[in-house]
């Protein structure tokens, strides 16, 4: 059994750790709220652009665009598939990073030539050790404080590769926050776009005359890159919020565990102190008896 001094030192160490985990919880809580507000502030703009694409497709259902080209002539094993992978820069966030990395591992086992664009230092370090998958290091910046500027930079690079036929499909793998207690790794297809995602079969096409200047293709060529940037930005912010929500849960669990350990140690400390006091009293009584016997 440890002595009282050792238990006291251990309690002090756990108390300091509890302060740190509680502080990290509060920081992540603040950052998560900021991220959710940022996402809600920008969503109407990108939803509006998606609505405009749907409106154009309803008016001109037979239009052709490079962004809707499914490249069906290519065999599955010959298709060049790019994955934008959103991880964190550090751990201490529960299963947040593990779930994303596990999904990526499952996807790259499928047919096709896979290329990864990893955001987040932890993910880059993980895949840098791999030799069986191509890793593009174009986006070597932090995933903290996601901005629309970064989303547009990613969009420009991805569109360049797609339009030059260096990529046939592009997906983004990120973490979506379903509620305060549940986050899920999710895959979303960025390119090529699918017309059925914008115009449902039961929707009627418009027969009225609509003018596009200089052409419907040019209008879409300006709209779609912004929509893709919006998808990327939304995924970055959603992942950022999910990361801090996961860290909040992990730090709350760590704080609760620290409280339980302190409670158990306090009981043990009191027991040790009581045993020490009892032993001291016993020694005093024994000494007194010995002195009394000497006098006799």
C-alpha atoms as a PDB file:
ATOM      1  CA  UNK A   1       0.000   0.000   0.000  1.00  0.00           C
ATOM      2  CA  UNK A   2       1.276   3.480  -0.904  1.00  0.00           C
ATOM      3  CA  UNK A   3       2.019   5.904   1.898  1.00  0.00           C
ATOM      4  CA  UNK A   4       0.099   9.127   2.388  1.00  0.00           C
ATOM      5  CA  UNK A   5       2.747  11.292   0.750  1.00  0.00           C
ATOM      6  CA  UNK A   6       2.742   9.253  -2.472  1.00  0.00           C
ATOM      7  CA  UNK A   7      -1.051   9.310  -2.639  1.00  0.00           C
ATOM      8  CA  UNK A   8      -1.071  13.080  -2.081  1.00  0.00           C
ATOM      9  CA  UNK A   9       1.436  13.602  -4.911  1.00  0.00           C
ATOM     10  CA  UNK A  10      -0.596  11.420  -7.248  1.00  0.00           C
ATOM     11  CA  UNK A  11      -3.772  13.345  -6.372  1.00  0.00           C
ATOM     12  CA  UNK A  12      -1.975  16.605  -7.168  1.00  0.00           C
ATOM     13  CA  UNK A  13      -0.871  15.248 -10.563  1.00  0.00           C
ATOM     14  CA  UNK A  14      -4.393  14.088 -11.440  1.00  0.00           C
ATOM     15  CA  UNK A  15      -5.810  17.437 -10.308  1.00  0.00           C
ATOM     16  CA  UNK A  16      -3.479  19.282 -12.713  1.00  0.00           C
ATOM     17  CA  UNK A  17      -4.444  16.920 -15.543  1.00  0.00           C
ATOM     18  CA  UNK A  18      -8.128  17.511 -14.784  1.00  0.00           C
ATOM     19  CA  UNK A  19      -7.599  21.258 -15.105  1.00  0.00           C
ATOM     20  CA  UNK A  20      -6.003  20.754 -18.531  1.00  0.00           C
ATOM     21  CA  UNK A  21      -8.741  18.449 -19.852  1.00  0.00           C
ATOM     22  CA  UNK A  22     -11.437  20.806 -18.584  1.00  0.00           C
ATOM     23  CA  UNK A  23      -9.721  23.776 -20.267  1.00  0.00           C
ATOM     24  CA  UNK A  24      -9.474  21.826 -23.545  1.00  0.00           C
ATOM     25  CA  UNK A  25     -13.171  21.012 -23.268  1.00  0.00           C
ATOM     26  CA  UNK A  26     -14.063  24.701 -22.945  1.00  0.00           C
ATOM     27  CA  UNK A  27     -11.793  25.704 -25.848  1.00  0.00           C
ATOM     28  CA  UNK A  28     -13.246  23.048 -28.148  1.00  0.00           C
ATOM     29  CA  UNK A  29     -16.764  24.038 -27.133  1.00  0.00           C
ATOM     30  CA  UNK A  30     -16.109  27.633 -28.168  1.00  0.00           C
ATOM     31  CA  UNK A  31     -14.510  26.628 -31.495  1.00  0.00           C
ATOM     32  CA  UNK A  32     -17.327  24.229 -32.337  1.00  0.00           C
ATOM     33  CA  UNK A  33     -19.948  26.954 -31.819  1.00  0.00           C
ATOM     34  CA  UNK A  34     -17.976  29.325 -34.050  1.00  0.00           C
ATOM     35  CA  UNK A  35     -17.735  26.677 -36.785  1.00  0.00           C
ATOM     36  CA  UNK A  36     -21.467  25.935 -36.704  1.00  0.00           C
ATOM     37  CA  UNK A  37     -22.271  29.633 -36.963  1.00  0.00           C
ATOM     38  CA  UNK A  38     -19.850  30.047 -39.864  1.00  0.00           C
ATOM     39  CA  UNK A  39     -21.507  27.154 -41.712  1.00  0.00           C
ATOM     40  CA  UNK A  40     -25.036  28.437 -41.125  1.00  0.00           C
ATOM     41  CA  UNK A  41     -24.030  31.912 -42.341  1.00  0.00           C
ATOM     42  CA  UNK A  42     -22.694  30.659 -45.701  1.00  0.00           C
ATOM     43  CA  UNK A  43     -25.125  27.822 -46.467  1.00  0.00           C
ATOM     44  CA  UNK A  44     -27.869  30.030 -48.011  1.00  0.00           C
ATOM     45  CA  UNK A  45     -25.469  31.349 -50.679  1.00  0.00           C
ATOM     46  CA  UNK A  46     -24.364  27.897 -51.850  1.00  0.00           C
ATOM     47  CA  UNK A  47     -27.859  26.460 -51.622  1.00  0.00           C
ATOM     48  CA  UNK A  48     -28.970  29.312 -53.839  1.00  0.00           C
ATOM     49  CA  UNK A  49     -26.366  28.432 -56.483  1.00  0.00           C
ATOM     50  CA  UNK A  50     -27.427  24.790 -56.421  1.00  0.00           C
ATOM     51  CA  UNK A  51     -31.009  25.917 -56.941  1.00  0.00           C
ATOM     52  CA  UNK A  52     -29.906  27.917 -59.985  1.00  0.00           C
ATOM     53  CA  UNK A  53     -28.217  24.849 -61.491  1.00  0.00           C
ATOM     54  CA  UNK A  54     -31.413  22.860 -60.948  1.00  0.00           C
ATOM     55  CA  UNK A  55     -33.395  25.682 -62.594  1.00  0.00           C
ATOM     56  CA  UNK A  56     -31.112  25.664 -65.639  1.00  0.00           C
ATOM     57  CA  UNK A  57     -31.353  21.892 -66.002  1.00  0.00           C
ATOM     58  CA  UNK A  58     -35.132  22.031 -65.812  1.00  0.00           C
ATOM     59  CA  UNK A  59     -35.205  24.548 -68.651  1.00  0.00           C
ATOM     60  CA  UNK A  60     -32.516  22.861 -70.762  1.00  0.00           C
ATOM     61  CA  UNK A  61     -32.659  19.128 -69.921  1.00  0.00           C
ATOM     62  CA  UNK A  62     -30.644  18.051 -72.964  1.00  0.00           C
ATOM     63  CA  UNK A  63     -27.669  20.343 -72.363  1.00  0.00           C
ATOM     64  CA  UNK A  64     -24.160  18.897 -72.210  1.00  0.00           C
ATOM     65  CA  UNK A  65     -21.460  19.973 -69.800  1.00  0.00           C
ATOM     66  CA  UNK A  66     -18.000  18.688 -69.028  1.00  0.00           C
ATOM     67  CA  UNK A  67     -18.905  18.747 -65.340  1.00  0.00           C
ATOM     68  CA  UNK A  68     -21.671  16.181 -65.885  1.00  0.00           C
ATOM     69  CA  UNK A  69     -19.577  13.864 -68.055  1.00  0.00           C
ATOM     70  CA  UNK A  70     -19.599  10.480 -66.296  1.00  0.00           C
ATOM     71  CA  UNK A  71     -16.927   9.058 -68.647  1.00  0.00           C
ATOM     72  CA  UNK A  72     -18.767   5.768 -68.769  1.00  0.00           C
ATOM     73  CA  UNK A  73     -16.506   4.465 -71.530  1.00  0.00           C
ATOM     74  CA  UNK A  74     -13.710   3.915 -69.027  1.00  0.00           C
ATOM     75  CA  UNK A  75     -13.437   0.559 -67.273  1.00  0.00           C
ATOM     76  CA  UNK A  76     -13.576   0.564 -63.451  1.00  0.00           C
ATOM     77  CA  UNK A  77      -9.950  -0.558 -63.156  1.00  0.00           C
ATOM     78  CA  UNK A  78      -8.792   2.265 -65.469  1.00  0.00           C
ATOM     79  CA  UNK A  79     -10.663   5.081 -63.768  1.00  0.00           C
ATOM     80  CA  UNK A  80      -8.541   7.655 -61.951  1.00  0.00           C
ATOM     81  CA  UNK A  81     -10.159   8.397 -58.627  1.00  0.00           C
ATOM     82  CA  UNK A  82      -9.179  11.226 -56.318  1.00  0.00           C
ATOM     83  CA  UNK A  83     -10.058  11.447 -52.633  1.00  0.00           C
ATOM     84  CA  UNK A  84      -9.877  14.648 -50.608  1.00  0.00           C
ATOM     85  CA  UNK A  85      -9.387  13.346 -47.065  1.00  0.00           C
ATOM     86  CA  UNK A  86     -10.097  15.656 -44.123  1.00  0.00           C
ATOM     87  CA  UNK A  87      -8.359  14.677 -40.872  1.00  0.00           C
ATOM     88  CA  UNK A  88      -7.156  16.650 -37.856  1.00  0.00           C
ATOM     89  CA  UNK A  89      -3.755  18.150 -37.102  1.00  0.00           C
ATOM     90  CA  UNK A  90      -3.583  16.358 -33.756  1.00  0.00           C
ATOM     91  CA  UNK A  91      -5.208  13.609 -31.726  1.00  0.00           C
ATOM     92  CA  UNK A  92      -7.064  13.650 -28.400  1.00  0.00           C
ATOM     93  CA  UNK A  93     -10.356  13.600 -30.313  1.00  0.00           C
ATOM     94  CA  UNK A  94     -11.645  10.110 -29.662  1.00  0.00           C
ATOM     95  CA  UNK A  95     -12.292   8.047 -32.810  1.00  0.00           C
ATOM     96  CA  UNK A  96     -12.514  11.120 -35.085  1.00  0.00           C
ATOM     97  CA  UNK A  97      -9.340  10.453 -37.097  1.00  0.00           C
ATOM     98  CA  UNK A  98      -9.596   6.673 -36.908  1.00  0.00           C
ATOM     99  CA  UNK A  99     -13.038   6.607 -38.553  1.00  0.00           C
ATOM    100  CA  UNK A 100     -11.903   8.736 -41.499  1.00  0.00           C
ATOM    101  CA  UNK A 101      -8.700   6.753 -42.051  1.00  0.00           C
ATOM    102  CA  UNK A 102     -10.590   3.473 -41.866  1.00  0.00           C
ATOM    103  CA  UNK A 103     -13.037   4.626 -44.557  1.00  0.00           C
ATOM    104  CA  UNK A 104     -10.168   5.699 -46.821  1.00  0.00           C
ATOM    105  CA  UNK A 105      -8.502   2.309 -46.356  1.00  0.00           C
ATOM    106  CA  UNK A 106     -11.706   0.592 -47.466  1.00  0.00           C
ATOM    107  CA  UNK A 107     -12.120   2.819 -50.537  1.00  0.00           C
ATOM    108  CA  UNK A 108      -8.589   2.420 -51.898  1.00  0.00           C
ATOM    109  CA  UNK A 109      -9.006  -1.358 -51.873  1.00  0.00           C
ATOM    110  CA  UNK A 110     -11.559  -1.041 -54.671  1.00  0.00           C
ATOM    111  CA  UNK A 111     -10.853  -0.968 -58.427  1.00  0.00           C
ATOM    112  CA  UNK A 112      -9.233   2.056 -60.032  1.00  0.00           C
ATOM    113  CA  UNK A 113      -6.126   4.191 -59.736  1.00  0.00           C
ATOM    114  CA  UNK A 114      -6.400   6.077 -56.456  1.00  0.00           C
ATOM    115  CA  UNK A 115      -4.894   9.420 -55.541  1.00  0.00           C
ATOM    116  CA  UNK A 116      -5.153  11.049 -52.112  1.00  0.00           C
ATOM    117  CA  UNK A 117      -5.266  14.741 -51.268  1.00  0.00           C
ATOM    118  CA  UNK A 118      -4.948  14.741 -47.485  1.00  0.00           C
ATOM    119  CA  UNK A 119      -5.808  17.706 -45.296  1.00  0.00           C
ATOM    120  CA  UNK A 120      -4.595  17.598 -41.704  1.00  0.00           C
ATOM    121  CA  UNK A 121      -1.138  16.759 -40.403  1.00  0.00           C
ATOM    122  CA  UNK A 122      -2.190  13.517 -38.735  1.00  0.00           C
ATOM    123  CA  UNK A 123      -3.579  12.100 -41.985  1.00  0.00           C
ATOM    124  CA  UNK A 124      -0.548  13.216 -43.988  1.00  0.00           C
ATOM    125  CA  UNK A 125       1.808  11.486 -41.573  1.00  0.00           C
ATOM    126  CA  UNK A 126      -0.299   8.328 -41.713  1.00  0.00           C
ATOM    127  CA  UNK A 127      -0.383   8.022 -45.511  1.00  0.00           C
ATOM    128  CA  UNK A 128       3.185   9.278 -46.058  1.00  0.00           C
ATOM    129  CA  UNK A 129       4.370   5.879 -44.821  1.00  0.00           C
ATOM    130  CA  UNK A 130       2.343   4.059 -47.474  1.00  0.00           C
ATOM    131  CA  UNK A 131       3.903   3.031 -50.776  1.00  0.00           C
ATOM    132  CA  UNK A 132       0.815   1.443 -52.345  1.00  0.00           C
ATOM    133  CA  UNK A 133      -1.138   4.680 -52.850  1.00  0.00           C
ATOM    134  CA  UNK A 134      -0.276   8.011 -54.514  1.00  0.00           C
ATOM    135  CA  UNK A 135      -0.250  10.942 -52.108  1.00  0.00           C
ATOM    136  CA  UNK A 136      -0.531  14.481 -53.471  1.00  0.00           C
ATOM    137  CA  UNK A 137       0.990  17.056 -51.119  1.00  0.00           C
ATOM    138  CA  UNK A 138      -0.581  20.150 -52.701  1.00  0.00           C
ATOM    139  CA  UNK A 139      -2.528  21.205 -49.631  1.00  0.00           C
ATOM    140  CA  UNK A 140      -0.003  21.379 -46.818  1.00  0.00           C
ATOM    141  CA  UNK A 141      -1.833  23.706 -44.475  1.00  0.00           C
ATOM    142  CA  UNK A 142      -3.702  23.401 -41.225  1.00  0.00           C
ATOM    143  CA  UNK A 143      -7.345  22.340 -41.086  1.00  0.00           C
ATOM    144  CA  UNK A 144      -7.935  24.739 -38.198  1.00  0.00           C
ATOM    145  CA  UNK A 145     -10.075  27.782 -38.952  1.00  0.00           C
ATOM    146  CA  UNK A 146     -11.315  26.673 -42.423  1.00  0.00           C
ATOM    147  CA  UNK A 147     -11.834  29.510 -44.882  1.00  0.00           C
ATOM    148  CA  UNK A 148     -13.536  29.933 -48.224  1.00  0.00           C
ATOM    149  CA  UNK A 149     -10.182  30.963 -49.684  1.00  0.00           C
ATOM    150  CA  UNK A 150      -8.730  27.527 -48.899  1.00  0.00           C
ATOM    151  CA  UNK A 151     -11.826  25.823 -50.273  1.00  0.00           C
ATOM    152  CA  UNK A 152     -11.464  27.725 -53.555  1.00  0.00           C
ATOM    153  CA  UNK A 153      -7.770  26.855 -53.727  1.00  0.00           C
ATOM    154  CA  UNK A 154      -8.608  23.160 -53.351  1.00  0.00           C
ATOM    155  CA  UNK A 155     -11.428  23.480 -55.883  1.00  0.00           C
ATOM    156  CA  UNK A 156      -9.139  25.077 -58.478  1.00  0.00           C
ATOM    157  CA  UNK A 157      -6.553  22.319 -58.177  1.00  0.00           C
ATOM    158  CA  UNK A 158      -9.149  19.545 -58.311  1.00  0.00           C
ATOM    159  CA  UNK A 159     -10.997  21.051 -61.286  1.00  0.00           C
ATOM    160  CA  UNK A 160      -7.719  21.460 -63.134  1.00  0.00           C
ATOM    161  CA  UNK A 161      -6.937  17.766 -62.736  1.00  0.00           C
ATOM    162  CA  UNK A 162     -10.482  16.747 -63.641  1.00  0.00           C
ATOM    163  CA  UNK A 163     -10.705  18.892 -66.778  1.00  0.00           C
ATOM    164  CA  UNK A 164      -7.266  17.656 -67.914  1.00  0.00           C
ATOM    165  CA  UNK A 165      -8.501  14.054 -67.572  1.00  0.00           C
ATOM    166  CA  UNK A 166      -5.998  13.359 -64.806  1.00  0.00           C
ATOM    167  CA  UNK A 167      -8.948  12.478 -62.577  1.00  0.00           C
ATOM    168  CA  UNK A 168     -12.218  10.845 -63.620  1.00  0.00           C
ATOM    169  CA  UNK A 169     -13.948  10.974 -60.250  1.00  0.00           C
ATOM    170  CA  UNK A 170     -13.386  13.117 -57.168  1.00  0.00           C
ATOM    171  CA  UNK A 171     -14.728  12.393 -53.693  1.00  0.00           C
ATOM    172  CA  UNK A 172     -14.314  14.124 -50.378  1.00  0.00           C
ATOM    173  CA  UNK A 173     -14.173  12.035 -47.187  1.00  0.00           C
ATOM    174  CA  UNK A 174     -14.965  14.032 -44.086  1.00  0.00           C
ATOM    175  CA  UNK A 175     -16.812  13.756 -40.769  1.00  0.00           C
ATOM    176  CA  UNK A 176     -20.415  14.860 -40.486  1.00  0.00           C
ATOM    177  CA  UNK A 177     -21.873  15.796 -37.131  1.00  0.00           C
ATOM    178  CA  UNK A 178     -25.307  14.176 -36.886  1.00  0.00           C
ATOM    179  CA  UNK A 179     -25.946  15.462 -33.374  1.00  0.00           C
ATOM    180  CA  UNK A 180     -24.020  16.411 -30.247  1.00  0.00           C
ATOM    181  CA  UNK A 181     -23.258  12.782 -29.476  1.00  0.00           C
ATOM    182  CA  UNK A 182     -22.872  11.170 -32.898  1.00  0.00           C
ATOM    183  CA  UNK A 183     -20.382  11.861 -35.695  1.00  0.00           C
ATOM    184  CA  UNK A 184     -19.923   9.736 -38.808  1.00  0.00           C
ATOM    185  CA  UNK A 185     -17.252   9.564 -41.494  1.00  0.00           C
ATOM    186  CA  UNK A 186     -18.930  10.243 -44.815  1.00  0.00           C
ATOM    187  CA  UNK A 187     -18.026  10.164 -48.499  1.00  0.00           C
ATOM    188  CA  UNK A 188     -19.444  12.776 -50.880  1.00  0.00           C
ATOM    189  CA  UNK A 189     -18.965  12.820 -54.657  1.00  0.00           C
ATOM    190  CA  UNK A 190     -17.759  16.180 -55.927  1.00  0.00           C
ATOM    191  CA  UNK A 191     -17.181  15.366 -59.611  1.00  0.00           C
ATOM    192  CA  UNK A 192     -18.686  14.570 -61.984  1.00  0.00           C
ATOM    193  CA  UNK A 193     -22.056  15.980 -61.021  1.00  0.00           C
ATOM    194  CA  UNK A 194     -25.192  13.929 -61.629  1.00  0.00           C
ATOM    195  CA  UNK A 195     -28.235  15.580 -63.220  1.00  0.00           C
ATOM    196  CA  UNK A 196     -30.612  13.402 -61.208  1.00  0.00           C
ATOM    197  CA  UNK A 197     -29.285  15.014 -58.019  1.00  0.00           C
ATOM    198  CA  UNK A 198     -30.644  18.347 -59.199  1.00  0.00           C
ATOM    199  CA  UNK A 199     -33.731  17.409 -61.208  1.00  0.00           C
ATOM    200  CA  UNK A 200     -35.985  14.661 -59.938  1.00  0.00           C
ATOM    201  CA  UNK A 201     -37.926  12.432 -62.317  1.00  0.00           C
ATOM    202  CA  UNK A 202     -41.296  13.650 -61.077  1.00  0.00           C
ATOM    203  CA  UNK A 203     -40.401  17.296 -61.729  1.00  0.00           C
ATOM    204  CA  UNK A 204     -41.738  18.841 -64.933  1.00  0.00           C
ATOM    205  CA  UNK A 205     -39.451  20.541 -67.414  1.00  0.00           C
ATOM    206  CA  UNK A 206     -40.197  24.127 -68.381  1.00  0.00           C
ATOM    207  CA  UNK A 207     -41.188  24.794 -71.967  1.00  0.00           C
ATOM    208  CA  UNK A 208     -40.957  28.567 -71.761  1.00  0.00           C
ATOM    209  CA  UNK A 209     -38.185  30.467 -73.533  1.00  0.00           C
ATOM    210  CA  UNK A 210     -35.100  31.254 -71.468  1.00  0.00           C
ATOM    211  CA  UNK A 211     -32.009  33.131 -72.643  1.00  0.00           C
ATOM    212  CA  UNK A 212     -28.456  32.410 -71.510  1.00  0.00           C
ATOM    213  CA  UNK A 213     -25.580  34.729 -72.348  1.00  0.00           C
ATOM    214  CA  UNK A 214     -23.251  33.933 -73.908  1.00  0.00           C
ATOM    215  CA  UNK A 215     -24.410  30.275 -73.605  1.00  0.00           C
ATOM    216  CA  UNK A 216     -25.841  27.844 -71.092  1.00  0.00           C
ATOM    217  CA  UNK A 217     -22.479  26.068 -70.961  1.00  0.00           C
ATOM    218  CA  UNK A 218     -20.717  29.314 -70.056  1.00  0.00           C
ATOM    219  CA  UNK A 219     -23.210  30.022 -67.309  1.00  0.00           C
ATOM    220  CA  UNK A 220     -22.675  26.553 -65.840  1.00  0.00           C
ATOM    221  CA  UNK A 221     -18.900  26.898 -66.204  1.00  0.00           C
ATOM    222  CA  UNK A 222     -19.128  29.878 -63.856  1.00  0.00           C
ATOM    223  CA  UNK A 223     -21.680  28.435 -61.464  1.00  0.00           C
ATOM    224  CA  UNK A 224     -20.388  24.898 -60.946  1.00  0.00           C
ATOM    225  CA  UNK A 225     -16.860  25.755 -59.700  1.00  0.00           C
ATOM    226  CA  UNK A 226     -18.470  27.896 -57.008  1.00  0.00           C
ATOM    227  CA  UNK A 227     -20.813  25.061 -56.077  1.00  0.00           C
ATOM    228  CA  UNK A 228     -17.873  22.637 -55.819  1.00  0.00           C
ATOM    229  CA  UNK A 229     -16.030  25.155 -53.638  1.00  0.00           C
ATOM    230  CA  UNK A 230     -19.154  25.373 -51.496  1.00  0.00           C
ATOM    231  CA  UNK A 231     -19.265  21.601 -51.056  1.00  0.00           C
ATOM    232  CA  UNK A 232     -15.594  21.565 -50.047  1.00  0.00           C
ATOM    233  CA  UNK A 233     -15.999  24.491 -47.680  1.00  0.00           C
ATOM    234  CA  UNK A 234     -19.030  22.886 -46.079  1.00  0.00           C
ATOM    235  CA  UNK A 235     -17.102  19.629 -45.562  1.00  0.00           C
ATOM    236  CA  UNK A 236     -14.139  21.486 -44.044  1.00  0.00           C
ATOM    237  CA  UNK A 237     -16.321  23.388 -41.586  1.00  0.00           C
ATOM    238  CA  UNK A 238     -18.400  20.304 -40.764  1.00  0.00           C
ATOM    239  CA  UNK A 239     -15.222  18.317 -40.086  1.00  0.00           C
ATOM    240  CA  UNK A 240     -13.817  21.141 -37.983  1.00  0.00           C
ATOM    241  CA  UNK A 241     -16.975  21.234 -35.873  1.00  0.00           C
ATOM    242  CA  UNK A 242     -16.997  17.427 -35.601  1.00  0.00           C
ATOM    243  CA  UNK A 243     -13.350  17.362 -34.533  1.00  0.00           C
ATOM    244  CA  UNK A 244     -13.974  19.760 -31.673  1.00  0.00           C
ATOM    245  CA  UNK A 245     -17.191  18.045 -30.704  1.00  0.00           C
ATOM    246  CA  UNK A 246     -15.286  14.733 -30.543  1.00  0.00           C
ATOM    247  CA  UNK A 247     -12.552  16.408 -28.504  1.00  0.00           C
ATOM    248  CA  UNK A 248     -15.174  17.840 -26.160  1.00  0.00           C
ATOM    249  CA  UNK A 249     -16.565  14.355 -25.572  1.00  0.00           C
ATOM    250  CA  UNK A 250     -13.073  12.881 -25.089  1.00  0.00           C
ATOM    251  CA  UNK A 251     -12.048  15.623 -22.661  1.00  0.00           C
ATOM    252  CA  UNK A 252     -15.329  15.332 -20.761  1.00  0.00           C
ATOM    253  CA  UNK A 253     -14.722  11.595 -20.394  1.00  0.00           C
ATOM    254  CA  UNK A 254     -11.150  12.253 -19.250  1.00  0.00           C
ATOM    255  CA  UNK A 255     -12.341  14.865 -16.733  1.00  0.00           C
ATOM    256  CA  UNK A 256     -14.980  12.502 -15.361  1.00  0.00           C
ATOM    257  CA  UNK A 257     -12.378   9.736 -15.059  1.00  0.00           C
ATOM    258  CA  UNK A 258     -10.065  12.110 -13.206  1.00  0.00           C
ATOM    259  CA  UNK A 259     -12.872  12.969 -10.779  1.00  0.00           C
ATOM    260  CA  UNK A 260     -13.510   9.275 -10.132  1.00  0.00           C
ATOM    261  CA  UNK A 261      -9.803   8.606  -9.593  1.00  0.00           C
ATOM    262  CA  UNK A 262      -9.570  11.541  -7.178  1.00  0.00           C
ATOM    263  CA  UNK A 263     -12.567  10.247  -5.257  1.00  0.00           C
ATOM    264  CA  UNK A 264     -11.012   6.776  -4.954  1.00  0.00           C
ATOM    265  CA  UNK A 265      -7.653   8.226  -3.973  1.00  0.00           C
ATOM    266  CA  UNK A 266      -9.250  10.426  -1.320  1.00  0.00           C
ATOM    267  CA  UNK A 267     -10.824   7.331   0.238  1.00  0.00           C
ATOM    268  CA  UNK A 268      -7.488   5.506   0.079  1.00  0.00           C
ATOM    269  CA  UNK A 269      -5.676   8.550   1.485  1.00  0.00           C
ATOM    270  CA  UNK A 270      -8.095   8.777   4.414  1.00  0.00           C
ATOM    271  CA  UNK A 271      -7.709   5.049   5.021  1.00  0.00           C
ATOM    272  CA  UNK A 272      -3.906   5.308   5.023  1.00  0.00           C
ATOM    273  CA  UNK A 273      -3.985   8.383   7.258  1.00  0.00           C
ATOM    274  CA  UNK A 274      -6.372   6.627   9.638  1.00  0.00           C
ATOM    275  CA  UNK A 275      -4.115   3.576   9.726  1.00  0.00           C
ATOM    276  CA  UNK A 276      -1.095   5.807  10.400  1.00  0.00           C
ATOM    277  CA  UNK A 277      -2.906   7.616  13.225  1.00  0.00           C
ATOM    278  CA  UNK A 278      -4.061   4.331  14.701  1.00  0.00           C
ATOM    279  CA  UNK A 279      -0.515   2.997  14.554  1.00  0.00           C
ATOM    280  CA  UNK A 280       0.833   6.132  16.245  1.00  0.00           C
ATOM    281  CA  UNK A 281      -1.763   5.866  19.033  1.00  0.00           C
ATOM    282  CA  UNK A 282      -0.950   2.177  19.460  1.00  0.00           C
ATOM    283  CA  UNK A 283       2.765   2.975  19.717  1.00  0.00           C
ATOM    284  CA  UNK A 284       2.115   5.744  22.256  1.00  0.00           C
ATOM    285  CA  UNK A 285      -0.038   3.433  24.401  1.00  0.00           C
ATOM    286  CA  UNK A 286       2.534   0.648  24.149  1.00  0.00           C
ATOM    287  CA  UNK A 287       5.288   3.083  25.144  1.00  0.00           C
ATOM    288  CA  UNK A 288       3.259   4.346  28.074  1.00  0.00           C
ATOM    289  CA  UNK A 289       2.629   0.796  29.261  1.00  0.00           C
ATOM    290  CA  UNK A 290       6.322  -0.030  28.952  1.00  0.00           C
ATOM    291  CA  UNK A 291       7.242   3.024  31.050  1.00  0.00           C
ATOM    292  CA  UNK A 292       4.625   2.087  33.642  1.00  0.00           C
ATOM    293  CA  UNK A 293       5.981  -1.467  33.872  1.00  0.00           C
ATOM    294  CA  UNK A 294       9.543  -0.151  34.396  1.00  0.00           C
ATOM    295  CA  UNK A 295       8.430   1.924  37.362  1.00  0.00           C
ATOM    296  CA  UNK A 296       6.881  -1.123  38.963  1.00  0.00           C
END
